[in-house]
Amino acid sequence: MLDPAILFHMIWASTHYHATHDWQISKLSPEASETPMSDRAFIEATEDLVQLVLRGTGLQRL
C-alpha cells in the first residue's frame, strides 16, 4: 500500500504549483522503477486515504 503521507504531500504540492507530472510519477513509483503506479493501485491507495481521513474526522465509523 502507498504511504498516505505521499498522497497528502502530492495534494499539498499540487495546490502550491510544486508538483510537475514527472515529480508525481516519481512519488507514485517509490521503488524508482520506470513504470508508474497502475491506475487500479492508485485508485485503491486513494480510497484507503479517503477512508483514513473520514475515520480520523469521525465521519466514518470503523
Protein backbone atom coordinates (compact mmCIF):
# COMPACT_ATOMS: atom_id res chain seq x y z
CA MET A 1 0.00 0.00 0.00
CA LEU A 2 1.15 3.52 -0.75
CA ASP A 3 2.05 5.61 2.27
CA PRO A 4 -0.86 8.06 2.80
CA ALA A 5 1.67 10.80 3.56
CA ILE A 6 2.82 10.68 -0.07
CA LEU A 7 -0.71 11.40 -1.33
CA PHE A 8 -1.20 14.18 1.22
CA HIS A 9 2.09 15.73 0.11
CA MET A 10 1.09 15.45 -3.55
CA ILE A 11 -2.22 17.21 -2.85
CA TRP A 12 -0.44 19.99 -0.96
CA ALA A 13 2.26 20.35 -3.61
CA SER A 14 -0.25 20.50 -6.45
CA THR A 15 -2.06 23.38 -4.76
CA HIS A 16 1.24 25.25 -4.48
CA TYR A 17 2.42 24.56 -8.05
CA HIS A 18 5.30 22.40 -6.84
CA ALA A 19 4.08 19.19 -8.45
CA THR A 20 5.11 18.56 -12.02
CA HIS A 21 3.97 15.43 -13.83
CA ASP A 22 7.43 13.86 -13.55
CA TRP A 23 7.56 14.63 -9.83
CA GLN A 24 4.18 12.96 -9.29
CA ILE A 25 5.28 9.88 -11.23
CA SER A 26 8.44 9.64 -9.13
CA LYS A 27 6.36 9.83 -5.94
CA LEU A 28 3.98 7.15 -7.20
CA SER A 29 6.89 4.86 -8.02
CA PRO A 30 8.82 4.77 -4.75
CA GLU A 31 10.88 1.81 -5.97
CA ALA A 32 12.40 4.16 -8.56
CA SER A 33 11.23 1.92 -11.36
CA GLU A 34 10.42 3.21 -14.81
CA THR A 35 6.82 2.02 -14.51
CA PRO A 36 4.42 4.35 -12.69
CA MET A 37 1.80 3.04 -10.30
CA SER A 38 -1.07 1.34 -12.11
CA ASP A 39 -4.42 3.09 -12.27
CA ARG A 40 -6.00 0.39 -10.09
CA ALA A 41 -3.28 0.66 -7.44
CA PHE A 42 -3.67 4.46 -7.42
CA ILE A 43 -7.45 4.15 -7.01
CA GLU A 44 -7.01 1.70 -4.13
CA ALA A 45 -4.45 3.94 -2.43
CA THR A 46 -6.75 6.95 -2.85
CA GLU A 47 -9.70 5.02 -1.42
CA ASP A 48 -7.57 3.97 1.56
CA LEU A 49 -6.54 7.57 2.12
CA VAL A 50 -10.13 8.85 1.93
CA GLN A 51 -11.27 6.22 4.43
CA LEU A 52 -8.39 7.16 6.74
CA VAL A 53 -9.37 10.84 6.60
CA LEU A 54 -13.06 10.09 7.13
CA ARG A 55 -12.32 7.87 10.13
CA GLY A 56 -9.94 10.46 11.55
CA THR A 57 -12.55 13.20 11.32
CA GLY A 58 -15.27 10.97 12.76
CA LEU A 59 -17.33 10.97 9.56
CA GLN A 60 -16.94 7.22 9.08
CA ARG A 61 -17.08 4.54 11.72
CA LEU A 62 -14.80 1.54 11.83
